[in-house]
């Protein structure tokens, strides 16, 4: 497998901790880290495989494969750093590029838009021709709706640090194992 780039906001607390778990699971020799707030189109042009992260808004108190982080803000919106980059992203040809997305949400506090940012990012990426990997079964979650859910699967890895934090490490490890098989 090629080197992986993980992209997340360095100014988050919980999503940064989860991103660090992903880095550890991949192995530090296999990952390059990029701050989402300093993202440029060059990163996408020079690499082929990506993983994106999307924490929830309340969390903020603070060559080849990518892991990106994008929080859901308010009622399912992307944070500013992603929102500002989306117009540039939408102009890119992402054919032959592979993406996986993970994100944070709160099933009890925001059950009507749980981890929507995962779904929002995946929709944008798919419209640009990207291949999406890292889909998981929707079992084990309790929420009303999510743009990240299609049928009985999530299009990425949703994590709920508020209500299911004890499951995060196991979910991340299992997901990264899956990604290692699905990415080139």
C-alpha atoms as a PDB file:
ATOM      1  CA  UNK A   1       0.000   0.000   0.000  1.00  0.00           C
ATOM      2  CA  UNK A   2       1.207   3.524  -0.808  1.00  0.00           C
ATOM      3  CA  UNK A   3       1.905   6.198   1.785  1.00  0.00           C
ATOM      4  CA  UNK A   4      -1.237   7.674   3.353  1.00  0.00           C
ATOM      5  CA  UNK A   5      -1.956  11.336   4.067  1.00  0.00           C
ATOM      6  CA  UNK A   6      -4.335  12.073   6.926  1.00  0.00           C
ATOM      7  CA  UNK A   7      -6.025  15.456   6.792  1.00  0.00           C
ATOM      8  CA  UNK A   8      -7.783  16.897   9.829  1.00  0.00           C
ATOM      9  CA  UNK A   9      -7.955  20.191  11.691  1.00  0.00           C
ATOM     10  CA  UNK A  10      -5.103  20.566  14.136  1.00  0.00           C
ATOM     11  CA  UNK A  11      -7.368  22.886  16.182  1.00  0.00           C
ATOM     12  CA  UNK A  12      -9.845  20.230  17.269  1.00  0.00           C
ATOM     13  CA  UNK A  13      -9.598  18.135  20.395  1.00  0.00           C
ATOM     14  CA  UNK A  14     -11.663  14.981  19.984  1.00  0.00           C
ATOM     15  CA  UNK A  15     -11.269  14.556  16.237  1.00  0.00           C
ATOM     16  CA  UNK A  16      -7.528  15.142  16.553  1.00  0.00           C
ATOM     17  CA  UNK A  17      -7.342  12.330  19.118  1.00  0.00           C
ATOM     18  CA  UNK A  18      -9.278  10.022  16.790  1.00  0.00           C
ATOM     19  CA  UNK A  19      -7.046  10.996  13.852  1.00  0.00           C
ATOM     20  CA  UNK A  20      -4.033  10.097  15.987  1.00  0.00           C
ATOM     21  CA  UNK A  21      -5.622   6.668  16.630  1.00  0.00           C
ATOM     22  CA  UNK A  22      -5.967   6.225  12.859  1.00  0.00           C
ATOM     23  CA  UNK A  23      -2.312   7.185  12.374  1.00  0.00           C
ATOM     24  CA  UNK A  24      -1.240   4.651  15.017  1.00  0.00           C
ATOM     25  CA  UNK A  25      -3.388   1.930  13.442  1.00  0.00           C
ATOM     26  CA  UNK A  26      -1.881   2.596  10.003  1.00  0.00           C
ATOM     27  CA  UNK A  27       1.627   2.865  11.367  1.00  0.00           C
ATOM     28  CA  UNK A  28       3.461   6.173  11.537  1.00  0.00           C
ATOM     29  CA  UNK A  29       5.789   5.164   8.688  1.00  0.00           C
ATOM     30  CA  UNK A  30       2.792   4.844   6.352  1.00  0.00           C
ATOM     31  CA  UNK A  31       1.145   8.232   7.037  1.00  0.00           C
ATOM     32  CA  UNK A  32       1.779  11.890   6.285  1.00  0.00           C
ATOM     33  CA  UNK A  33      -0.266  14.427   8.252  1.00  0.00           C
ATOM     34  CA  UNK A  34      -1.811  17.573   6.708  1.00  0.00           C
ATOM     35  CA  UNK A  35      -3.671  20.320   8.553  1.00  0.00           C
ATOM     36  CA  UNK A  36      -7.117  20.716   6.933  1.00  0.00           C
ATOM     37  CA  UNK A  37      -6.930  24.458   7.533  1.00  0.00           C
ATOM     38  CA  UNK A  38      -3.883  24.662   5.257  1.00  0.00           C
ATOM     39  CA  UNK A  39      -5.195  22.347   2.536  1.00  0.00           C
ATOM     40  CA  UNK A  40      -4.406  23.091  -1.099  1.00  0.00           C
ATOM     41  CA  UNK A  41      -5.384  21.520  -4.394  1.00  0.00           C
ATOM     42  CA  UNK A  42      -1.748  20.431  -4.817  1.00  0.00           C
ATOM     43  CA  UNK A  43      -2.299  17.736  -2.171  1.00  0.00           C
ATOM     44  CA  UNK A  44      -5.100  16.240  -4.269  1.00  0.00           C
ATOM     45  CA  UNK A  45      -3.235  16.604  -7.546  1.00  0.00           C
ATOM     46  CA  UNK A  46      -0.108  14.825  -6.304  1.00  0.00           C
ATOM     47  CA  UNK A  47      -1.781  11.875  -4.568  1.00  0.00           C
ATOM     48  CA  UNK A  48      -4.280   9.134  -5.335  1.00  0.00           C
ATOM     49  CA  UNK A  49      -5.800   7.741  -2.129  1.00  0.00           C
ATOM     50  CA  UNK A  50      -7.433   9.797   0.618  1.00  0.00           C
ATOM     51  CA  UNK A  51      -9.180   9.445   3.972  1.00  0.00           C
ATOM     52  CA  UNK A  52     -11.201  12.397   5.326  1.00  0.00           C
ATOM     53  CA  UNK A  53     -12.380  13.040   8.906  1.00  0.00           C
ATOM     54  CA  UNK A  54     -15.453  14.968  10.009  1.00  0.00           C
ATOM     55  CA  UNK A  55     -15.883  15.841  13.713  1.00  0.00           C
ATOM     56  CA  UNK A  56     -18.973  17.559  15.068  1.00  0.00           C
ATOM     57  CA  UNK A  57     -19.144  21.295  15.673  1.00  0.00           C
ATOM     58  CA  UNK A  58     -19.227  21.030  19.452  1.00  0.00           C
ATOM     59  CA  UNK A  59     -15.835  19.330  19.433  1.00  0.00           C
ATOM     60  CA  UNK A  60     -14.121  22.606  18.591  1.00  0.00           C
ATOM     61  CA  UNK A  61     -12.574  24.194  21.592  1.00  0.00           C
ATOM     62  CA  UNK A  62      -9.739  24.379  19.997  1.00  0.00           C
ATOM     63  CA  UNK A  63       1.873  10.694  -2.579  1.00  0.00           C
ATOM     64  CA  UNK A  64      -0.804   8.533  -2.314  1.00  0.00           C
ATOM     65  CA  UNK A  65      -3.403   7.866   0.412  1.00  0.00           C
ATOM     66  CA  UNK A  66      -5.193  10.506   2.492  1.00  0.00           C
ATOM     67  CA  UNK A  67      -7.136  10.652   5.679  1.00  0.00           C
ATOM     68  CA  UNK A  68      -9.083  13.899   5.871  1.00  0.00           C
ATOM     69  CA  UNK A  69     -11.073  15.315   8.766  1.00  0.00           C
ATOM     70  CA  UNK A  70     -14.250  17.363   8.454  1.00  0.00           C
ATOM     71  CA  UNK A  71     -16.598  18.217  11.316  1.00  0.00           C
ATOM     72  CA  UNK A  72     -20.350  18.603  11.137  1.00  0.00           C
ATOM     73  CA  UNK A  73     -21.292  22.038  12.427  1.00  0.00           C
ATOM     74  CA  UNK A  74     -24.682  23.188  13.648  1.00  0.00           C
ATOM     75  CA  UNK A  75     -27.397  21.224  11.825  1.00  0.00           C
ATOM     76  CA  UNK A  76     -25.228  19.134   9.553  1.00  0.00           C
ATOM     77  CA  UNK A  77     -23.017  21.806   8.012  1.00  0.00           C
ATOM     78  CA  UNK A  78     -19.340  21.555   7.135  1.00  0.00           C
ATOM     79  CA  UNK A  79     -16.869  23.637   9.157  1.00  0.00           C
ATOM     80  CA  UNK A  80     -15.416  26.776   7.576  1.00  0.00           C
ATOM     81  CA  UNK A  81     -12.131  25.232   6.462  1.00  0.00           C
ATOM     82  CA  UNK A  82     -13.944  22.561   4.442  1.00  0.00           C
ATOM     83  CA  UNK A  83     -16.749  24.836   3.326  1.00  0.00           C
ATOM     84  CA  UNK A  84     -14.218  27.326   1.918  1.00  0.00           C
ATOM     85  CA  UNK A  85     -12.330  24.562   0.068  1.00  0.00           C
ATOM     86  CA  UNK A  86     -15.418  22.889  -1.452  1.00  0.00           C
ATOM     87  CA  UNK A  87     -15.667  25.181  -4.550  1.00  0.00           C
ATOM     88  CA  UNK A  88     -12.084  24.302  -5.464  1.00  0.00           C
ATOM     89  CA  UNK A  89     -12.693  20.635  -4.689  1.00  0.00           C
ATOM     90  CA  UNK A  90     -15.801  20.557  -6.894  1.00  0.00           C
ATOM     91  CA  UNK A  91     -13.695  21.690  -9.867  1.00  0.00           C
ATOM     92  CA  UNK A  92     -11.260  18.783  -9.533  1.00  0.00           C
ATOM     93  CA  UNK A  93     -11.276  15.598 -11.554  1.00  0.00           C
ATOM     94  CA  UNK A  94     -11.037  12.912  -8.880  1.00  0.00           C
ATOM     95  CA  UNK A  95     -11.283   9.901 -11.182  1.00  0.00           C
ATOM     96  CA  UNK A  96      -8.678   7.298 -10.216  1.00  0.00           C
ATOM     97  CA  UNK A  97      -8.577   8.791  -6.696  1.00  0.00           C
ATOM     98  CA  UNK A  98      -9.761   6.784  -3.675  1.00  0.00           C
ATOM     99  CA  UNK A  99     -11.299   8.324  -0.563  1.00  0.00           C
ATOM    100  CA  UNK A 100     -12.443   7.139   2.856  1.00  0.00           C
ATOM    101  CA  UNK A 101     -14.152   9.397   5.393  1.00  0.00           C
ATOM    102  CA  UNK A 102     -14.476   9.194   9.168  1.00  0.00           C
ATOM    103  CA  UNK A 103     -16.243  11.625  11.431  1.00  0.00           C
ATOM    104  CA  UNK A 104     -17.564  12.459  14.845  1.00  0.00           C
ATOM    105  CA  UNK A 105     -21.181  12.987  15.786  1.00  0.00           C
ATOM    106  CA  UNK A 106     -23.622  12.856  18.692  1.00  0.00           C
ATOM    107  CA  UNK A 107     -26.462  10.337  18.225  1.00  0.00           C
ATOM    108  CA  UNK A 108     -28.438  11.610  21.223  1.00  0.00           C
ATOM    109  CA  UNK A 109     -27.828  15.355  20.948  1.00  0.00           C
ATOM    110  CA  UNK A 110     -28.209  15.529  17.152  1.00  0.00           C
ATOM    111  CA  UNK A 111     -30.104  12.372  16.160  1.00  0.00           C
ATOM    112  CA  UNK A 112     -31.686  14.009  13.096  1.00  0.00           C
ATOM    113  CA  UNK A 113     -28.336  14.738  11.367  1.00  0.00           C
ATOM    114  CA  UNK A 114     -25.861  12.296  12.909  1.00  0.00           C
ATOM    115  CA  UNK A 115     -22.481  12.576  11.145  1.00  0.00           C
ATOM    116  CA  UNK A 116     -24.020  14.385   8.159  1.00  0.00           C
ATOM    117  CA  UNK A 117     -20.610  15.843   7.218  1.00  0.00           C
ATOM    118  CA  UNK A 118     -19.444  12.356   6.204  1.00  0.00           C
ATOM    119  CA  UNK A 119     -22.321  12.129   3.745  1.00  0.00           C
ATOM    120  CA  UNK A 120     -21.854  15.709   2.525  1.00  0.00           C
ATOM    121  CA  UNK A 121     -18.184  15.112   1.737  1.00  0.00           C
ATOM    122  CA  UNK A 122     -18.872  11.770   0.083  1.00  0.00           C
ATOM    123  CA  UNK A 123     -21.564  13.333  -2.125  1.00  0.00           C
ATOM    124  CA  UNK A 124     -19.123  16.030  -3.274  1.00  0.00           C
ATOM    125  CA  UNK A 125     -16.327  13.525  -3.869  1.00  0.00           C
ATOM    126  CA  UNK A 126     -18.579  11.169  -5.829  1.00  0.00           C
ATOM    127  CA  UNK A 127     -19.801  14.045  -8.021  1.00  0.00           C
ATOM    128  CA  UNK A 128     -16.131  14.584  -8.965  1.00  0.00           C
ATOM    129  CA  UNK A 129     -15.644  10.917  -9.885  1.00  0.00           C
ATOM    130  CA  UNK A 130     -13.911   9.688  -6.704  1.00  0.00           C
ATOM    131  CA  UNK A 131     -13.995   6.066  -5.594  1.00  0.00           C
ATOM    132  CA  UNK A 132     -15.271   5.742  -1.999  1.00  0.00           C
ATOM    133  CA  UNK A 133     -14.029   2.973   0.326  1.00  0.00           C
ATOM    134  CA  UNK A 134     -14.393   2.329   4.043  1.00  0.00           C
ATOM    135  CA  UNK A 135     -18.151   1.778   4.091  1.00  0.00           C
ATOM    136  CA  UNK A 136     -19.427   0.008   7.208  1.00  0.00           C
ATOM    137  CA  UNK A 137     -22.701  -1.546   8.432  1.00  0.00           C
ATOM    138  CA  UNK A 138     -25.062   0.833  10.272  1.00  0.00           C
ATOM    139  CA  UNK A 139     -25.536  -1.667  13.116  1.00  0.00           C
ATOM    140  CA  UNK A 140     -24.776  -0.532  16.659  1.00  0.00           C
ATOM    141  CA  UNK A 141     -25.905   3.071  16.276  1.00  0.00           C
ATOM    142  CA  UNK A 142     -29.149   4.730  17.463  1.00  0.00           C
ATOM    143  CA  UNK A 143     -30.158   7.929  15.615  1.00  0.00           C
ATOM    144  CA  UNK A 144     -33.006   9.284  13.475  1.00  0.00           C
ATOM    145  CA  UNK A 145     -31.310  10.150  10.182  1.00  0.00           C
ATOM    146  CA  UNK A 146     -27.940  10.771   8.590  1.00  0.00           C
ATOM    147  CA  UNK A 147     -26.730  11.853   5.156  1.00  0.00           C
ATOM    148  CA  UNK A 148     -23.891   9.398   5.780  1.00  0.00           C
ATOM    149  CA  UNK A 149     -26.281   6.421   5.679  1.00  0.00           C
ATOM    150  CA  UNK A 150     -27.351   4.641   2.511  1.00  0.00           C
ATOM    151  CA  UNK A 151     -29.638   1.730   3.153  1.00  0.00           C
ATOM    152  CA  UNK A 152     -28.077  -0.310   5.932  1.00  0.00           C
ATOM    153  CA  UNK A 153     -24.538   1.048   5.523  1.00  0.00           C
ATOM    154  CA  UNK A 154     -22.607   4.198   6.331  1.00  0.00           C
ATOM    155  CA  UNK A 155     -20.470   5.627   3.529  1.00  0.00           C
ATOM    156  CA  UNK A 156     -17.699   6.180   6.100  1.00  0.00           C
ATOM    157  CA  UNK A 157     -16.904   5.550   9.753  1.00  0.00           C
ATOM    158  CA  UNK A 158     -19.143   7.469  12.191  1.00  0.00           C
ATOM    159  CA  UNK A 159     -17.865   7.797  15.751  1.00  0.00           C
ATOM    160  CA  UNK A 160     -19.772   9.088  18.775  1.00  0.00           C
ATOM    161  CA  UNK A 161     -17.302  10.148  21.455  1.00  0.00           C
ATOM    162  CA  UNK A 162     -20.110  11.507  23.633  1.00  0.00           C
ATOM    163  CA  UNK A 163     -22.194   8.338  23.891  1.00  0.00           C
ATOM    164  CA  UNK A 164     -20.054   5.459  22.572  1.00  0.00           C
ATOM    165  CA  UNK A 165     -16.492   6.579  23.243  1.00  0.00           C
ATOM    166  CA  UNK A 166     -15.564   3.158  24.604  1.00  0.00           C
ATOM    167  CA  UNK A 167     -16.156   1.699  21.122  1.00  0.00           C
ATOM    168  CA  UNK A 168     -13.908   4.139  19.234  1.00  0.00           C
ATOM    169  CA  UNK A 169     -10.580   2.307  19.446  1.00  0.00           C
ATOM    170  CA  UNK A 170     -12.078  -0.989  18.302  1.00  0.00           C
ATOM    171  CA  UNK A 171     -14.032   0.685  15.489  1.00  0.00           C
ATOM    172  CA  UNK A 172     -10.954   2.595  14.278  1.00  0.00           C
ATOM    173  CA  UNK A 173      -8.750  -0.519  14.318  1.00  0.00           C
ATOM    174  CA  UNK A 174     -11.297  -2.578  12.404  1.00  0.00           C
ATOM    175  CA  UNK A 175     -11.887   0.252   9.888  1.00  0.00           C
ATOM    176  CA  UNK A 176      -8.172   0.806   9.248  1.00  0.00           C
ATOM    177  CA  UNK A 177      -7.717  -2.939   8.677  1.00  0.00           C
ATOM    178  CA  UNK A 178     -10.521  -2.734   6.117  1.00  0.00           C
ATOM    179  CA  UNK A 179      -8.948   0.321   4.436  1.00  0.00           C
ATOM    180  CA  UNK A 180      -5.584  -1.408   4.106  1.00  0.00           C
ATOM    181  CA  UNK A 181      -7.335  -4.055   2.010  1.00  0.00           C
ATOM    182  CA  UNK A 182      -9.478  -1.617  -0.016  1.00  0.00           C
ATOM    183  CA  UNK A 183      -6.815   0.976  -0.879  1.00  0.00           C
ATOM    184  CA  UNK A 184      -4.224   0.461  -3.586  1.00  0.00           C
END
